[in-house]
């Protein structure tokens, strides 16, 4: 009757009675730490990538507005054109 609980698998079972004992606990703990570390670095990388994209867009918008301001100051575009283009950029 006791074998029914084990589902017939006698492999690596550190948390059961017939596992590898303390070595099994240690290996399981190390693997848990590795898995958590991998998940952490994946999410951290995704977050940093999003932040870089947002910063890049802000920098590009600033550069475009600077050029647009210069064109208005030189008289290359009208104020109407300036306001229309500025609205598109923002």
C-alpha atoms as a PDB file:
ATOM      1  CA  UNK A   1       0.000   0.000   0.000  1.00  0.00           C
ATOM      2  CA  UNK A   2       2.849   2.422   0.726  1.00  0.00           C
ATOM      3  CA  UNK A   3       4.162   2.172  -2.835  1.00  0.00           C
ATOM      4  CA  UNK A   4       0.922   3.643  -4.194  1.00  0.00           C
ATOM      5  CA  UNK A   5       1.815   7.061  -2.758  1.00  0.00           C
ATOM      6  CA  UNK A   6       5.138   7.147  -4.607  1.00  0.00           C
ATOM      7  CA  UNK A   7       3.416   6.627  -7.985  1.00  0.00           C
ATOM      8  CA  UNK A   8       5.956   3.936  -8.810  1.00  0.00           C
ATOM      9  CA  UNK A   9       8.852   6.346  -9.372  1.00  0.00           C
ATOM     10  CA  UNK A  10      12.017   5.739  -7.390  1.00  0.00           C
ATOM     11  CA  UNK A  11      14.174   8.571  -8.731  1.00  0.00           C
ATOM     12  CA  UNK A  12      15.543  11.682  -7.043  1.00  0.00           C
ATOM     13  CA  UNK A  13      13.209  12.386  -4.097  1.00  0.00           C
ATOM     14  CA  UNK A  14      14.995  14.524  -1.513  1.00  0.00           C
ATOM     15  CA  UNK A  15      11.797  15.365   0.373  1.00  0.00           C
ATOM     16  CA  UNK A  16      10.622  11.764   0.692  1.00  0.00           C
ATOM     17  CA  UNK A  17      11.878   9.110   3.078  1.00  0.00           C
ATOM     18  CA  UNK A  18      14.131   7.243   0.609  1.00  0.00           C
ATOM     19  CA  UNK A  19      15.820  10.198  -1.124  1.00  0.00           C
ATOM     20  CA  UNK A  20      19.433  11.326  -0.982  1.00  0.00           C
ATOM     21  CA  UNK A  21      19.209  12.880   2.491  1.00  0.00           C
ATOM     22  CA  UNK A  22      21.080  16.101   3.257  1.00  0.00           C
ATOM     23  CA  UNK A  23      22.844  16.093  -0.122  1.00  0.00           C
ATOM     24  CA  UNK A  24      19.429  16.064  -1.812  1.00  0.00           C
ATOM     25  CA  UNK A  25      18.264  19.024   0.275  1.00  0.00           C
ATOM     26  CA  UNK A  26      21.436  20.943  -0.558  1.00  0.00           C
ATOM     27  CA  UNK A  27      21.189  20.253  -4.307  1.00  0.00           C
ATOM     28  CA  UNK A  28      17.500  21.196  -4.288  1.00  0.00           C
ATOM     29  CA  UNK A  29      18.279  24.433  -2.466  1.00  0.00           C
ATOM     30  CA  UNK A  30      21.053  25.336  -4.914  1.00  0.00           C
ATOM     31  CA  UNK A  31      18.792  24.602  -7.900  1.00  0.00           C
ATOM     32  CA  UNK A  32      16.055  26.775  -6.385  1.00  0.00           C
ATOM     33  CA  UNK A  33      18.521  29.647  -5.962  1.00  0.00           C
ATOM     34  CA  UNK A  34      19.701  29.247  -9.589  1.00  0.00           C
ATOM     35  CA  UNK A  35      16.134  29.218 -10.947  1.00  0.00           C
ATOM     36  CA  UNK A  36      15.166  32.297  -8.924  1.00  0.00           C
ATOM     37  CA  UNK A  37      18.335  34.061 -10.111  1.00  0.00           C
ATOM     38  CA  UNK A  38      17.624  33.302 -13.767  1.00  0.00           C
ATOM     39  CA  UNK A  39      14.039  34.559 -13.445  1.00  0.00           C
ATOM     40  CA  UNK A  40      15.259  37.721 -11.677  1.00  0.00           C
ATOM     41  CA  UNK A  41      17.799  38.560 -14.371  1.00  0.00           C
ATOM     42  CA  UNK A  42      15.298  37.910 -17.174  1.00  0.00           C
ATOM     43  CA  UNK A  43      12.774  40.334 -15.672  1.00  0.00           C
ATOM     44  CA  UNK A  44      15.496  42.872 -14.851  1.00  0.00           C
ATOM     45  CA  UNK A  45      16.710  42.763 -18.453  1.00  0.00           C
ATOM     46  CA  UNK A  46      13.210  43.263 -19.811  1.00  0.00           C
ATOM     47  CA  UNK A  47      12.613  46.216 -17.492  1.00  0.00           C
ATOM     48  CA  UNK A  48      15.916  47.894 -18.420  1.00  0.00           C
ATOM     49  CA  UNK A  49      15.135  47.430 -22.103  1.00  0.00           C
ATOM     50  CA  UNK A  50      11.793  49.249 -21.688  1.00  0.00           C
ATOM     51  CA  UNK A  51      13.453  52.109 -19.779  1.00  0.00           C
ATOM     52  CA  UNK A  52      16.095  52.508 -22.510  1.00  0.00           C
ATOM     53  CA  UNK A  53      13.417  52.654 -25.210  1.00  0.00           C
ATOM     54  CA  UNK A  54      11.514  55.378 -23.330  1.00  0.00           C
ATOM     55  CA  UNK A  55      14.687  57.408 -22.784  1.00  0.00           C
ATOM     56  CA  UNK A  56      15.597  57.036 -26.454  1.00  0.00           C
ATOM     57  CA  UNK A  57      12.178  58.303 -27.563  1.00  0.00           C
ATOM     58  CA  UNK A  58      12.441  61.304 -25.208  1.00  0.00           C
ATOM     59  CA  UNK A  59      15.912  62.130 -26.547  1.00  0.00           C
ATOM     60  CA  UNK A  60      14.738  61.836 -30.160  1.00  0.00           C
ATOM     61  CA  UNK A  61      11.719  64.063 -29.464  1.00  0.00           C
ATOM     62  CA  UNK A  62      13.971  66.659 -27.829  1.00  0.00           C
ATOM     63  CA  UNK A  63      16.286  66.694 -30.856  1.00  0.00           C
ATOM     64  CA  UNK A  64      13.375  67.006 -33.281  1.00  0.00           C
ATOM     65  CA  UNK A  65      11.855  69.871 -31.275  1.00  0.00           C
ATOM     66  CA  UNK A  66      15.215  71.620 -31.233  1.00  0.00           C
ATOM     67  CA  UNK A  67      15.440  71.425 -35.031  1.00  0.00           C
ATOM     68  CA  UNK A  68      11.818  72.551 -35.354  1.00  0.00           C
ATOM     69  CA  UNK A  69      12.508  75.560 -33.110  1.00  0.00           C
ATOM     70  CA  UNK A  70      15.533  76.489 -35.219  1.00  0.00           C
ATOM     71  CA  UNK A  71      13.499  76.310 -38.430  1.00  0.00           C
ATOM     72  CA  UNK A  72      10.838  78.586 -36.921  1.00  0.00           C
ATOM     73  CA  UNK A  73      13.508  81.040 -35.754  1.00  0.00           C
ATOM     74  CA  UNK A  74      15.113  81.127 -39.218  1.00  0.00           C
ATOM     75  CA  UNK A  75      11.726  81.645 -40.853  1.00  0.00           C
ATOM     76  CA  UNK A  76      11.836  78.399 -42.849  1.00  0.00           C
ATOM     77  CA  UNK A  77       8.386  77.371 -41.542  1.00  0.00           C
ATOM     78  CA  UNK A  78       5.315  79.314 -40.462  1.00  0.00           C
ATOM     79  CA  UNK A  79       3.963  79.380 -36.923  1.00  0.00           C
ATOM     80  CA  UNK A  80       0.951  77.364 -38.073  1.00  0.00           C
ATOM     81  CA  UNK A  81       3.232  74.675 -39.504  1.00  0.00           C
ATOM     82  CA  UNK A  82       5.328  74.757 -36.353  1.00  0.00           C
ATOM     83  CA  UNK A  83       2.342  74.178 -34.064  1.00  0.00           C
ATOM     84  CA  UNK A  84       0.975  71.364 -36.275  1.00  0.00           C
ATOM     85  CA  UNK A  85       4.322  69.549 -36.359  1.00  0.00           C
ATOM     86  CA  UNK A  86       4.950  70.088 -32.649  1.00  0.00           C
ATOM     87  CA  UNK A  87       1.583  68.519 -31.857  1.00  0.00           C
ATOM     88  CA  UNK A  88       2.506  65.464 -33.962  1.00  0.00           C
ATOM     89  CA  UNK A  89       5.857  65.070 -32.198  1.00  0.00           C
ATOM     90  CA  UNK A  90       4.446  65.249 -28.677  1.00  0.00           C
END
